[in-house]
Amino acid sequence: MTRGFGICLIIMIVCELISAASQMLLKKSAGISYGSWIREYVNPWVISGYLLLFAAMFLTIKAYAYADQYMHVPMLETFGYIFVLIMGRIFYKEKLTRPRILGMALILSGILVYYALG
C-alpha cells in the first residue's frame, strides 16, 4: 500500500461516514410532518443533511488527488452502504435482515476481491 492510497483510504472513510450521517439527517426530516410544503424542504434537518452531503462530495474530489489509480475512489465509496446500514440500526433501530447482511457481505467481498486482484 502506497502513502497516497493510505491518505485516499482515510479521506474516503471519513467522507463516507459524513455521507451516511447526512442520510440519517435526511431520514429524520422525512419522518416529521410539517405544516407547509416549503418547511418540508427548508428545515434544519434537511439543510444540515445537504451541507454534510456537500462536504462529503468535496472530500471525494480531494481523495482523487491521492488515489494511485482512478478506480480506488469509486470502490471505496461502497463503504457508504455499510455505514448507512450500521447507522440505521443504531439510530433508527432498523432490523438487520438476512438479505441486508448478505448484501453487506457481498459488498465487502467485492472490495476484497478488487484489491486482492488489483
PDB file of N, CA and C in Angstrom:
ATOM      1  N   MET A   1       0.848  -1.177   0.000  1.00  0.00           N
ATOM      2  CA  MET A   1       0.000   0.000   0.000  1.00  0.00           C
ATOM      3  C   MET A   1       0.891   1.236   0.000  1.00  0.00           C
ATOM      4  N   THR A   2       0.629   2.124  -0.929  1.00  0.00           N
ATOM      5  CA  THR A   2       1.422   3.340  -1.025  1.00  0.00           C
ATOM      6  C   THR A   2       0.878   4.407  -0.086  1.00  0.00           C
ATOM      7  N   ARG A   3       1.693   5.413   0.139  1.00  0.00           N
ATOM      8  CA  ARG A   3       1.288   6.516   1.021  1.00  0.00           C
ATOM      9  C   ARG A   3       0.039   7.208   0.466  1.00  0.00           C
ATOM     10  N   GLY A   4       0.007   7.403  -0.856  1.00  0.00           N
ATOM     11  CA  GLY A   4      -1.142   8.051  -1.485  1.00  0.00           C
ATOM     12  C   GLY A   4      -2.427   7.277  -1.273  1.00  0.00           C
ATOM     13  N   PHE A   5      -2.337   5.952  -1.397  1.00  0.00           N
ATOM     14  CA  PHE A   5      -3.540   5.141  -1.193  1.00  0.00           C
ATOM     15  C   PHE A   5      -3.983   5.213   0.262  1.00  0.00           C
ATOM     16  N   GLY A   6      -3.042   5.233   1.195  1.00  0.00           N
ATOM     17  CA  GLY A   6      -3.398   5.330   2.617  1.00  0.00           C
ATOM     18  C   GLY A   6      -4.143   6.620   2.919  1.00  0.00           C
ATOM     19  N   ILE A   7      -3.668   7.730   2.350  1.00  0.00           N
ATOM     20  CA  ILE A   7      -4.344   9.012   2.554  1.00  0.00           C
ATOM     21  C   ILE A   7      -5.716   8.981   1.899  1.00  0.00           C
ATOM     22  N   CYS A   8      -5.782   8.430   0.684  1.00  0.00           N
ATOM     23  CA  CYS A   8      -7.059   8.294  -0.027  1.00  0.00           C
ATOM     24  C   CYS A   8      -8.035   7.463   0.802  1.00  0.00           C
ATOM     25  N   LEU A   9      -7.575   6.371   1.370  1.00  0.00           N
ATOM     26  CA  LEU A   9      -8.423   5.499   2.182  1.00  0.00           C
ATOM     27  C   LEU A   9      -8.978   6.242   3.395  1.00  0.00           C
ATOM     28  N   ILE A  10      -8.140   6.982   4.088  1.00  0.00           N
ATOM     29  CA  ILE A  10      -8.586   7.728   5.272  1.00  0.00           C
ATOM     30  C   ILE A  10      -9.618   8.783   4.872  1.00  0.00           C
ATOM     31  N   ILE A  11      -9.318   9.532   3.809  1.00  0.00           N
ATOM     32  CA  ILE A  11     -10.257  10.559   3.356  1.00  0.00           C
ATOM     33  C   ILE A  11     -11.596   9.932   2.989  1.00  0.00           C
ATOM     34  N   MET A  12     -11.562   8.810   2.282  1.00  0.00           N
ATOM     35  CA  MET A  12     -12.806   8.189   1.831  1.00  0.00           C
ATOM     36  C   MET A  12     -13.613   7.609   2.985  1.00  0.00           C
ATOM     37  N   ILE A  13     -12.962   7.063   3.987  1.00  0.00           N
ATOM     38  CA  ILE A  13     -13.709   6.554   5.140  1.00  0.00           C
ATOM     39  C   ILE A  13     -14.397   7.704   5.869  1.00  0.00           C
ATOM     40  N   VAL A  14     -13.670   8.802   6.075  1.00  0.00           N
ATOM     41  CA  VAL A  14     -14.277   9.983   6.693  1.00  0.00           C
ATOM     42  C   VAL A  14     -15.420  10.502   5.820  1.00  0.00           C
ATOM     43  N   CYS A  15     -15.175  10.556   4.523  1.00  0.00           N
ATOM     44  CA  CYS A  15     -16.178  11.026   3.573  1.00  0.00           C
ATOM     45  C   CYS A  15     -17.443  10.176   3.642  1.00  0.00           C
ATOM     46  N   GLU A  16     -17.296   8.881   3.665  1.00  0.00           N
ATOM     47  CA  GLU A  16     -18.463   8.001   3.692  1.00  0.00           C
ATOM     48  C   GLU A  16     -19.184   8.051   5.036  1.00  0.00           C
ATOM     49  N   LEU A  17     -18.468   8.277   6.119  1.00  0.00           N
ATOM     50  CA  LEU A  17     -19.129   8.469   7.414  1.00  0.00           C
ATOM     51  C   LEU A  17     -19.957   9.752   7.412  1.00  0.00           C
ATOM     52  N   ILE A  18     -19.398  10.822   6.833  1.00  0.00           N
ATOM     53  CA  ILE A  18     -20.130  12.083   6.726  1.00  0.00           C
ATOM     54  C   ILE A  18     -21.355  11.902   5.838  1.00  0.00           C
ATOM     55  N   SER A  19     -21.180  11.216   4.727  1.00  0.00           N
ATOM     56  CA  SER A  19     -22.297  10.977   3.809  1.00  0.00           C
ATOM     57  C   SER A  19     -23.405  10.172   4.484  1.00  0.00           C
ATOM     58  N   ALA A  20     -23.027   9.154   5.238  1.00  0.00           N
ATOM     59  CA  ALA A  20     -24.028   8.343   5.947  1.00  0.00           C
ATOM     60  C   ALA A  20     -24.746   9.187   7.000  1.00  0.00           C
ATOM     61  N   ALA A  21     -24.012  10.059   7.679  1.00  0.00           N
ATOM     62  CA  ALA A  21     -24.642  10.946   8.667  1.00  0.00           C
ATOM     63  C   ALA A  21     -25.631  11.882   7.981  1.00  0.00           C
ATOM     64  N   SER A  22     -25.286  12.352   6.792  1.00  0.00           N
ATOM     65  CA  SER A  22     -26.206  13.230   6.065  1.00  0.00           C
ATOM     66  C   SER A  22     -27.487  12.477   5.715  1.00  0.00           C
ATOM     67  N   GLN A  23     -27.360  11.215   5.342  1.00  0.00           N
ATOM     68  CA  GLN A  23     -28.548  10.424   5.020  1.00  0.00           C
ATOM     69  C   GLN A  23     -29.419  10.184   6.255  1.00  0.00           C
ATOM     70  N   MET A  24     -28.778  10.052   7.417  1.00  0.00           N
ATOM     71  CA  MET A  24     -29.544   9.892   8.655  1.00  0.00           C
ATOM     72  C   MET A  24     -30.334  11.167   8.962  1.00  0.00           C
ATOM     73  N   LEU A  25     -29.733  12.347   8.720  1.00  0.00           N
ATOM     74  CA  LEU A  25     -30.440  13.607   8.952  1.00  0.00           C
ATOM     75  C   LEU A  25     -31.620  13.758   7.993  1.00  0.00           C
ATOM     76  N   LEU A  26     -31.408  13.397   6.736  1.00  0.00           N
ATOM     77  CA  LEU A  26     -32.497  13.483   5.760  1.00  0.00           C
ATOM     78  C   LEU A  26     -33.618  12.505   6.096  1.00  0.00           C
ATOM     79  N   LYS A  27     -33.255  11.336   6.608  1.00  0.00           N
ATOM     80  CA  LYS A  27     -34.273  10.361   7.011  1.00  0.00           C
ATOM     81  C   LYS A  27     -35.053  10.882   8.213  1.00  0.00           C
ATOM     82  N   LYS A  28     -34.352  11.539   9.131  1.00  0.00           N
ATOM     83  CA  LYS A  28     -35.016  12.133  10.297  1.00  0.00           C
ATOM     84  C   LYS A  28     -36.041  13.159   9.839  1.00  0.00           C
ATOM     85  N   SER A  29     -35.678  13.985   8.878  1.00  0.00           N
ATOM     86  CA  SER A  29     -36.592  15.001   8.359  1.00  0.00           C
ATOM     87  C   SER A  29     -37.800  14.374   7.678  1.00  0.00           C
ATOM     88  N   ALA A  30     -37.587  13.270   6.978  1.00  0.00           N
ATOM     89  CA  ALA A  30     -38.683  12.620   6.253  1.00  0.00           C
ATOM     90  C   ALA A  30     -39.739  12.058   7.197  1.00  0.00           C
ATOM     91  N   GLY A  31     -39.358  11.767   8.430  1.00  0.00           N
ATOM     92  CA  GLY A  31     -40.290  11.198   9.389  1.00  0.00           C
ATOM     93  C   GLY A  31     -41.103  12.227  10.166  1.00  0.00           C
ATOM     94  N   ILE A  32     -40.923  13.508   9.842  1.00  0.00           N
ATOM     95  CA  ILE A  32     -41.612  14.579  10.566  1.00  0.00           C
ATOM     96  C   ILE A  32     -42.647  15.217   9.640  1.00  0.00           C
ATOM     97  N   SER A  33     -43.829  15.495  10.177  1.00  0.00           N
ATOM     98  CA  SER A  33     -44.860  16.194   9.405  1.00  0.00           C
ATOM     99  C   SER A  33     -44.690  17.697   9.593  1.00  0.00           C
ATOM    100  N   TYR A  34     -44.749  18.415   8.485  1.00  0.00           N
ATOM    101  CA  TYR A  34     -44.595  19.866   8.519  1.00  0.00           C
ATOM    102  C   TYR A  34     -45.887  20.521   8.057  1.00  0.00           C
ATOM    103  N   GLY A  35     -46.108  21.761   8.485  1.00  0.00           N
ATOM    104  CA  GLY A  35     -47.330  22.468   8.153  1.00  0.00           C
ATOM    105  C   GLY A  35     -47.426  22.893   6.697  1.00  0.00           C
ATOM    106  N   SER A  36     -46.303  23.099   6.057  1.00  0.00           N
ATOM    107  CA  SER A  36     -46.332  23.534   4.660  1.00  0.00           C
ATOM    108  C   SER A  36     -45.284  22.759   3.863  1.00  0.00           C
ATOM    109  N   TRP A  37     -45.460  22.765   2.548  1.00  0.00           N
ATOM    110  CA  TRP A  37     -44.530  22.019   1.701  1.00  0.00           C
ATOM    111  C   TRP A  37     -43.148  22.662   1.719  1.00  0.00           C
ATOM    112  N   ILE A  38     -43.072  23.966   1.912  1.00  0.00           N
ATOM    113  CA  ILE A  38     -41.766  24.624   1.926  1.00  0.00           C
ATOM    114  C   ILE A  38     -40.974  24.221   3.171  1.00  0.00           C
ATOM    115  N   ARG A  39     -41.659  24.010   4.288  1.00  0.00           N
ATOM    116  CA  ARG A  39     -40.983  23.588   5.528  1.00  0.00           C
ATOM    117  C   ARG A  39     -40.447  22.157   5.417  1.00  0.00           C
ATOM    118  N   GLU A  40     -41.025  21.375   4.514  1.00  0.00           N
ATOM    119  CA  GLU A  40     -40.507  20.024   4.298  1.00  0.00           C
ATOM    120  C   GLU A  40     -39.105  20.054   3.715  1.00  0.00           C
ATOM    121  N   TYR A  41     -38.806  21.105   2.953  1.00  0.00           N
ATOM    122  CA  TYR A  41     -37.520  21.197   2.270  1.00  0.00           C
ATOM    123  C   TYR A  41     -36.578  22.220   2.889  1.00  0.00           C
ATOM    124  N   VAL A  42     -37.117  23.150   3.648  1.00  0.00           N
ATOM    125  CA  VAL A  42     -36.290  24.161   4.302  1.00  0.00           C
ATOM    126  C   VAL A  42     -36.501  24.041   5.808  1.00  0.00           C
ATOM    127  N   ASN A  43     -35.725  23.170   6.401  1.00  0.00           N
ATOM    128  CA  ASN A  43     -35.743  22.980   7.847  1.00  0.00           C
ATOM    129  C   ASN A  43     -34.327  22.578   8.270  1.00  0.00           C
ATOM    130  N   PRO A  44     -34.031  22.647   9.539  1.00  0.00           N
ATOM    131  CA  PRO A  44     -32.652  22.380   9.983  1.00  0.00           C
ATOM    132  C   PRO A  44     -32.127  20.989   9.607  1.00  0.00           C
ATOM    133  N   TRP A  45     -32.997  19.974   9.618  1.00  0.00           N
ATOM    134  CA  TRP A  45     -32.553  18.617   9.293  1.00  0.00           C
ATOM    135  C   TRP A  45     -32.119  18.522   7.832  1.00  0.00           C
ATOM    136  N   VAL A  46     -32.934  19.060   6.940  1.00  0.00           N
ATOM    137  CA  VAL A  46     -32.631  18.995   5.509  1.00  0.00           C
ATOM    138  C   VAL A  46     -31.401  19.849   5.179  1.00  0.00           C
ATOM    139  N   ILE A  47     -31.368  21.059   5.703  1.00  0.00           N
ATOM    140  CA  ILE A  47     -30.234  21.946   5.424  1.00  0.00           C
ATOM    141  C   ILE A  47     -28.942  21.325   5.935  1.00  0.00           C
ATOM    142  N   SER A  48     -28.957  20.792   7.147  1.00  0.00           N
ATOM    143  CA  SER A  48     -27.760  20.142   7.701  1.00  0.00           C
ATOM    144  C   SER A  48     -27.367  18.922   6.875  1.00  0.00           C
ATOM    145  N   GLY A  49     -28.363  18.138   6.470  1.00  0.00           N
ATOM    146  CA  GLY A  49     -28.088  16.951   5.666  1.00  0.00           C
ATOM    147  C   GLY A  49     -27.411  17.296   4.347  1.00  0.00           C
ATOM    148  N   TYR A  50     -27.925  18.327   3.677  1.00  0.00           N
ATOM    149  CA  TYR A  50     -27.328  18.711   2.391  1.00  0.00           C
ATOM    150  C   TYR A  50     -25.971  19.380   2.566  1.00  0.00           C
ATOM    151  N   LEU A  51     -25.767  20.103   3.654  1.00  0.00           N
ATOM    152  CA  LEU A  51     -24.434  20.669   3.906  1.00  0.00           C
ATOM    153  C   LEU A  51     -23.406  19.559   4.128  1.00  0.00           C
ATOM    154  N   LEU A  52     -23.798  18.535   4.876  1.00  0.00           N
ATOM    155  CA  LEU A  52     -22.899  17.401   5.071  1.00  0.00           C
ATOM    156  C   LEU A  52     -22.652  16.662   3.757  1.00  0.00           C
ATOM    157  N   LEU A  53     -23.681  16.528   2.949  1.00  0.00           N
ATOM    158  CA  LEU A  53     -23.520  15.881   1.657  1.00  0.00           C
ATOM    159  C   LEU A  53     -22.550  16.665   0.768  1.00  0.00           C
ATOM    160  N   PHE A  54     -22.642  17.997   0.795  1.00  0.00           N
ATOM    161  CA  PHE A  54     -21.711  18.833   0.049  1.00  0.00           C
ATOM    162  C   PHE A  54     -20.284  18.621   0.552  1.00  0.00           C
ATOM    163  N   ALA A  55     -20.112  18.568   1.876  1.00  0.00           N
ATOM    164  CA  ALA A  55     -18.779  18.327   2.448  1.00  0.00           C
ATOM    165  C   ALA A  55     -18.231  16.969   2.004  1.00  0.00           C
ATOM    166  N   ALA A  56     -19.099  15.964   1.975  1.00  0.00           N
ATOM    167  CA  ALA A  56     -18.669  14.630   1.540  1.00  0.00           C
ATOM    168  C   ALA A  56     -18.245  14.635   0.075  1.00  0.00           C
ATOM    169  N   MET A  57     -18.989  15.340  -0.761  1.00  0.00           N
ATOM    170  CA  MET A  57     -18.612  15.414  -2.176  1.00  0.00           C
ATOM    171  C   MET A  57     -17.285  16.150  -2.347  1.00  0.00           C
ATOM    172  N   PHE A  58     -17.076  17.206  -1.579  1.00  0.00           N
ATOM    173  CA  PHE A  58     -15.812  17.937  -1.630  1.00  0.00           C
ATOM    174  C   PHE A  58     -14.650  17.027  -1.230  1.00  0.00           C
ATOM    175  N   LEU A  59     -14.835  16.244  -0.171  1.00  0.00           N
ATOM    176  CA  LEU A  59     -13.784  15.315   0.267  1.00  0.00           C
ATOM    177  C   LEU A  59     -13.529  14.233  -0.776  1.00  0.00           C
ATOM    178  N   THR A  60     -14.565  13.779  -1.450  1.00  0.00           N
ATOM    179  CA  THR A  60     -14.381  12.782  -2.502  1.00  0.00           C
ATOM    180  C   THR A  60     -13.497  13.335  -3.610  1.00  0.00           C
ATOM    181  N   ILE A  61     -13.725  14.572  -3.986  1.00  0.00           N
ATOM    182  CA  ILE A  61     -12.888  15.201  -5.011  1.00  0.00           C
ATOM    183  C   ILE A  61     -11.447  15.290  -4.528  1.00  0.00           C
ATOM    184  N   LYS A  62     -11.243  15.622  -3.266  1.00  0.00           N
ATOM    185  CA  LYS A  62      -9.893  15.678  -2.703  1.00  0.00           C
ATOM    186  C   LYS A  62      -9.233  14.293  -2.698  1.00  0.00           C
ATOM    187  N   ALA A  63     -10.022  13.255  -2.467  1.00  0.00           N
ATOM    188  CA  ALA A  63      -9.481  11.896  -2.422  1.00  0.00           C
ATOM    189  C   ALA A  63      -8.897  11.491  -3.769  1.00  0.00           C
ATOM    190  N   TYR A  64      -9.495  11.972  -4.863  1.00  0.00           N
ATOM    191  CA  TYR A  64      -8.970  11.649  -6.192  1.00  0.00           C
ATOM    192  C   TYR A  64      -7.526  12.129  -6.357  1.00  0.00           C
ATOM    193  N   ALA A  65      -7.166  13.201  -5.677  1.00  0.00           N
ATOM    194  CA  ALA A  65      -5.802  13.727  -5.785  1.00  0.00           C
ATOM    195  C   ALA A  65      -4.779  12.757  -5.192  1.00  0.00           C
ATOM    196  N   TYR A  66      -5.200  11.929  -4.249  1.00  0.00           N
ATOM    197  CA  TYR A  66      -4.285  10.998  -3.590  1.00  0.00           C
ATOM    198  C   TYR A  66      -4.404   9.568  -4.104  1.00  0.00           C
ATOM    199  N   ALA A  67      -5.401   9.303  -4.904  1.00  0.00           N
ATOM    200  CA  ALA A  67      -5.620   7.939  -5.393  1.00  0.00           C
ATOM    201  C   ALA A  67      -4.535   7.560  -6.392  1.00  0.00           C
ATOM    202  N   ASP A  68      -3.938   6.397  -6.206  1.00  0.00           N
ATOM    203  CA  ASP A  68      -2.922   5.895  -7.123  1.00  0.00           C
ATOM    204  C   ASP A  68      -3.556   5.471  -8.446  1.00  0.00           C
ATOM    205  N   GLN A  69      -4.741   4.935  -8.356  1.00  0.00           N
ATOM    206  CA  GLN A  69      -5.472   4.506  -9.542  1.00  0.00           C
ATOM    207  C   GLN A  69      -6.855   5.143  -9.503  1.00  0.00           C
ATOM    208  N   TYR A  70      -7.391   5.387 -10.662  1.00  0.00           N
ATOM    209  CA  TYR A  70      -8.688   6.045 -10.774  1.00  0.00           C
ATOM    210  C   TYR A  70      -9.785   5.284 -10.037  1.00  0.00           C
ATOM    211  N   MET A  71      -9.780   3.961 -10.081  1.00  0.00           N
ATOM    212  CA  MET A  71     -10.880   3.163  -9.523  1.00  0.00           C
ATOM    213  C   MET A  71     -10.838   3.029  -8.004  1.00  0.00           C
ATOM    214  N   HIS A  72      -9.776   3.502  -7.345  1.00  0.00           N
ATOM    215  CA  HIS A  72      -9.743   3.386  -5.885  1.00  0.00           C
ATOM    216  C   HIS A  72     -10.899   4.140  -5.229  1.00  0.00           C
ATOM    217  N   VAL A  73     -11.160   5.350  -5.683  1.00  0.00           N
ATOM    218  CA  VAL A  73     -12.196   6.163  -5.041  1.00  0.00           C
ATOM    219  C   VAL A  73     -13.587   5.548  -5.212  1.00  0.00           C
ATOM    220  N   PRO A  74     -14.022   5.198  -6.427  1.00  0.00           N
ATOM    221  CA  PRO A  74     -15.352   4.584  -6.546  1.00  0.00           C
ATOM    222  C   PRO A  74     -15.483   3.276  -5.755  1.00  0.00           C
ATOM    223  N   MET A  75     -14.433   2.499  -5.698  1.00  0.00           N
ATOM    224  CA  MET A  75     -14.511   1.252  -4.924  1.00  0.00           C
ATOM    225  C   MET A  75     -14.668   1.543  -3.434  1.00  0.00           C
ATOM    226  N   LEU A  76     -13.981   2.571  -2.949  1.00  0.00           N
ATOM    227  CA  LEU A  76     -14.080   2.900  -1.529  1.00  0.00           C
ATOM    228  C   LEU A  76     -15.418   3.555  -1.182  1.00  0.00           C
ATOM    229  N   GLU A  77     -16.094   4.126  -2.164  1.00  0.00           N
ATOM    230  CA  GLU A  77     -17.403   4.724  -1.916  1.00  0.00           C
ATOM    231  C   GLU A  77     -18.439   3.681  -1.496  1.00  0.00           C
ATOM    232  N   THR A  78     -18.200   2.437  -1.813  1.00  0.00           N
ATOM    233  CA  THR A  78     -19.163   1.400  -1.442  1.00  0.00           C
ATOM    234  C   THR A  78     -19.236   1.187   0.072  1.00  0.00           C
ATOM    235  N   PHE A  79     -18.242   1.678   0.807  1.00  0.00           N
ATOM    236  CA  PHE A  79     -18.319   1.605   2.264  1.00  0.00           C
ATOM    237  C   PHE A  79     -19.524   2.375   2.789  1.00  0.00           C
ATOM    238  N   GLY A  80     -19.988   3.357   2.029  1.00  0.00           N
ATOM    239  CA  GLY A  80     -21.139   4.148   2.449  1.00  0.00           C
ATOM    240  C   GLY A  80     -22.372   3.295   2.700  1.00  0.00           C
ATOM    241  N   TYR A  81     -22.584   2.279   1.861  1.00  0.00           N
ATOM    242  CA  TYR A  81     -23.736   1.396   2.048  1.00  0.00           C
ATOM    243  C   TYR A  81     -23.657   0.680   3.393  1.00  0.00           C
ATOM    244  N   ILE A  82     -22.475   0.290   3.757  1.00  0.00           N
ATOM    245  CA  ILE A  82     -22.280  -0.418   5.020  1.00  0.00           C
ATOM    246  C   ILE A  82     -22.500   0.532   6.197  1.00  0.00           C
ATOM    247  N   PHE A  83     -21.953   1.752   6.092  1.00  0.00           N
ATOM    248  CA  PHE A  83     -22.123   2.729   7.163  1.00  0.00           C
ATOM    249  C   PHE A  83     -23.594   3.105   7.348  1.00  0.00           C
ATOM    250  N   VAL A  84     -24.328   3.256   6.255  1.00  0.00           N
ATOM    251  CA  VAL A  84     -25.756   3.586   6.352  1.00  0.00           C
ATOM    252  C   VAL A  84     -26.516   2.452   7.037  1.00  0.00           C
ATOM    253  N   LEU A  85     -26.181   1.223   6.697  1.00  0.00           N
ATOM    254  CA  LEU A  85     -26.836   0.075   7.326  1.00  0.00           C
ATOM    255  C   LEU A  85     -26.571   0.057   8.830  1.00  0.00           C
ATOM    256  N   ILE A  86     -25.340   0.292   9.218  1.00  0.00           N
ATOM    257  CA  ILE A  86     -24.967   0.286  10.641  1.00  0.00           C
ATOM    258  C   ILE A  86     -25.611   1.462  11.378  1.00  0.00           C
ATOM    259  N   MET A  87     -25.558   2.653  10.772  1.00  0.00           N
ATOM    260  CA  MET A  87     -26.152   3.822  11.427  1.00  0.00           C
ATOM    261  C   MET A  87     -27.679   3.706  11.511  1.00  0.00           C
ATOM    262  N   GLY A  88     -28.295   3.116  10.498  1.00  0.00           N
ATOM    263  CA  GLY A  88     -29.739   2.891  10.545  1.00  0.00           C
ATOM    264  C   GLY A  88     -30.110   1.974  11.696  1.00  0.00           C
ATOM    265  N   ARG A  89     -29.282   0.993  11.931  1.00  0.00           N
ATOM    266  CA  ARG A  89     -29.507   0.071  13.052  1.00  0.00           C
ATOM    267  C   ARG A  89     -29.350   0.797  14.390  1.00  0.00           C
ATOM    268  N   ILE A  90     -28.317   1.619  14.503  1.00  0.00           N
ATOM    269  CA  ILE A  90     -28.035   2.311  15.765  1.00  0.00           C
ATOM    270  C   ILE A  90     -29.075   3.389  16.057  1.00  0.00           C
ATOM    271  N   PHE A  91     -29.349   4.262  15.081  1.00  0.00           N
ATOM    272  CA  PHE A  91     -30.189   5.430  15.342  1.00  0.00           C
ATOM    273  C   PHE A  91     -31.686   5.195  15.139  1.00  0.00           C
ATOM    274  N   TYR A  92     -32.046   4.279  14.246  1.00  0.00           N
ATOM    275  CA  TYR A  92     -33.457   4.071  13.944  1.00  0.00           C
ATOM    276  C   TYR A  92     -33.936   2.665  14.277  1.00  0.00           C
ATOM    277  N   LYS A  93     -33.080   1.883  14.883  1.00  0.00           N
ATOM    278  CA  LYS A  93     -33.435   0.520  15.311  1.00  0.00           C
ATOM    279  C   LYS A  93     -33.952  -0.331  14.156  1.00  0.00           C
ATOM    280  N   GLU A  94     -33.412  -0.095  12.952  1.00  0.00           N
ATOM    281  CA  GLU A  94     -33.807  -0.903  11.802  1.00  0.00           C
ATOM    282  C   GLU A  94     -33.260  -2.315  11.961  1.00  0.00           C
ATOM    283  N   LYS A  95     -34.017  -3.272  11.483  1.00  0.00           N
ATOM    284  CA  LYS A  95     -33.618  -4.670  11.629  1.00  0.00           C
ATOM    285  C   LYS A  95     -32.534  -5.037  10.630  1.00  0.00           C
ATOM    286  N   LEU A  96     -31.614  -5.859  11.085  1.00  0.00           N
ATOM    287  CA  LEU A  96     -30.595  -6.418  10.195  1.00  0.00           C
ATOM    288  C   LEU A  96     -31.142  -7.746   9.670  1.00  0.00           C
ATOM    289  N   THR A  97     -31.771  -7.680   8.541  1.00  0.00           N
ATOM    290  CA  THR A  97     -32.361  -8.872   7.953  1.00  0.00           C
ATOM    291  C   THR A  97     -31.295  -9.684   7.214  1.00  0.00           C
ATOM    292  N   ARG A  98     -31.643 -10.907   6.923  1.00  0.00           N
ATOM    293  CA  ARG A  98     -30.721 -11.784   6.201  1.00  0.00           C
ATOM    294  C   ARG A  98     -30.302 -11.188   4.847  1.00  0.00           C
ATOM    295  N   PRO A  99     -31.243 -10.657   4.037  1.00  0.00           N
ATOM    296  CA  PRO A  99     -30.821 -10.054   2.766  1.00  0.00           C
ATOM    297  C   PRO A  99     -29.873  -8.862   2.947  1.00  0.00           C
ATOM    298  N   ARG A 100     -30.105  -8.061   3.981  1.00  0.00           N
ATOM    299  CA  ARG A 100     -29.210  -6.922   4.228  1.00  0.00           C
ATOM    300  C   ARG A 100     -27.814  -7.392   4.623  1.00  0.00           C
ATOM    301  N   ILE A 101     -27.746  -8.390   5.468  1.00  0.00           N
ATOM    302  CA  ILE A 101     -26.441  -8.929   5.881  1.00  0.00           C
ATOM    303  C   ILE A 101     -25.744  -9.574   4.687  1.00  0.00           C
ATOM    304  N   LEU A 102     -26.493 -10.296   3.863  1.00  0.00           N
ATOM    305  CA  LEU A 102     -25.918 -10.886   2.656  1.00  0.00           C
ATOM    306  C   LEU A 102     -25.401  -9.795   1.715  1.00  0.00           C
ATOM    307  N   GLY A 103     -26.169  -8.732   1.561  1.00  0.00           N
ATOM    308  CA  GLY A 103     -25.739  -7.613   0.725  1.00  0.00           C
ATOM    309  C   GLY A 103     -24.460  -6.979   1.244  1.00  0.00           C
ATOM    310  N   MET A 104     -24.371  -6.804   2.564  1.00  0.00           N
ATOM    311  CA  MET A 104     -23.162  -6.246   3.157  1.00  0.00           C
ATOM    312  C   MET A 104     -21.979  -7.173   2.925  1.00  0.00           C
ATOM    313  N   ALA A 105     -22.197  -8.470   3.065  1.00  0.00           N
ATOM    314  CA  ALA A 105     -21.121  -9.435   2.828  1.00  0.00           C
ATOM    315  C   ALA A 105     -20.665  -9.407   1.370  1.00  0.00           C
ATOM    316  N   LEU A 106     -21.605  -9.268   0.442  1.00  0.00           N
ATOM    317  CA  LEU A 106     -21.241  -9.183  -0.974  1.00  0.00           C
ATOM    318  C   LEU A 106     -20.444  -7.916  -1.277  1.00  0.00           C
ATOM    319  N   ILE A 107     -20.839  -6.797  -0.663  1.00  0.00           N
ATOM    320  CA  ILE A 107     -20.089  -5.556  -0.855  1.00  0.00           C
ATOM    321  C   ILE A 107     -18.668  -5.710  -0.339  1.00  0.00           C
ATOM    322  N   LEU A 108     -18.529  -6.238   0.876  1.00  0.00           N
ATOM    323  CA  LEU A 108     -17.198  -6.418   1.449  1.00  0.00           C
ATOM    324  C   LEU A 108     -16.358  -7.395   0.633  1.00  0.00           C
ATOM    325  N   SER A 109     -16.973  -8.474   0.172  1.00  0.00           N
ATOM    326  CA  SER A 109     -16.212  -9.440  -0.625  1.00  0.00           C
ATOM    327  C   SER A 109     -15.805  -8.833  -1.962  1.00  0.00           C
ATOM    328  N   GLY A 110     -16.670  -8.000  -2.548  1.00  0.00           N
ATOM    329  CA  GLY A 110     -16.314  -7.324  -3.791  1.00  0.00           C
ATOM    330  C   GLY A 110     -15.125  -6.397  -3.612  1.00  0.00           C
ATOM    331  N   ILE A 111     -15.109  -5.662  -2.494  1.00  0.00           N
ATOM    332  CA  ILE A 111     -13.976  -4.781  -2.206  1.00  0.00           C
ATOM    333  C   ILE A 111     -12.704  -5.605  -2.037  1.00  0.00           C
ATOM    334  N   LEU A 112     -12.796  -6.691  -1.283  1.00  0.00           N
ATOM    335  CA  LEU A 112     -11.618  -7.537  -1.056  1.00  0.00           C
ATOM    336  C   LEU A 112     -11.105  -8.148  -2.350  1.00  0.00           C
ATOM    337  N   VAL A 113     -12.002  -8.634  -3.190  1.00  0.00           N
ATOM    338  CA  VAL A 113     -11.605  -9.224  -4.459  1.00  0.00           C
ATOM    339  C   VAL A 113     -10.941  -8.174  -5.346  1.00  0.00           C
ATOM    340  N   TYR A 114     -11.515  -6.975  -5.391  1.00  0.00           N
ATOM    341  CA  TYR A 114     -10.950  -5.905  -6.216  1.00  0.00           C
ATOM    342  C   TYR A 114      -9.515  -5.598  -5.805  1.00  0.00           C
ATOM    343  N   TYR A 115      -9.292  -5.441  -4.503  1.00  0.00           N
ATOM    344  CA  TYR A 115      -7.950  -5.081  -4.054  1.00  0.00           C
ATOM    345  C   TYR A 115      -6.992  -6.264  -4.041  1.00  0.00           C
ATOM    346  N   ALA A 116      -7.512  -7.480  -3.920  1.00  0.00           N
ATOM    347  CA  ALA A 116      -6.644  -8.660  -3.980  1.00  0.00           C
ATOM    348  C   ALA A 116      -6.151  -8.901  -5.412  1.00  0.00           C
ATOM    349  N   LEU A 117      -7.013  -8.651  -6.387  1.00  0.00           N
ATOM    350  CA  LEU A 117      -6.634  -8.885  -7.780  1.00  0.00           C
ATOM    351  C   LEU A 117      -5.999  -7.659  -8.436  1.00  0.00           C
ATOM    352  N   GLY A 118      -6.198  -6.500  -7.826  1.00  0.00           N
ATOM    353  CA  GLY A 118      -5.695  -5.253  -8.433  1.00  0.00           C
ATOM    354  C   GLY A 118      -4.316  -4.998  -8.027  1.00  0.00           C
TER     355      GLY A 118
END
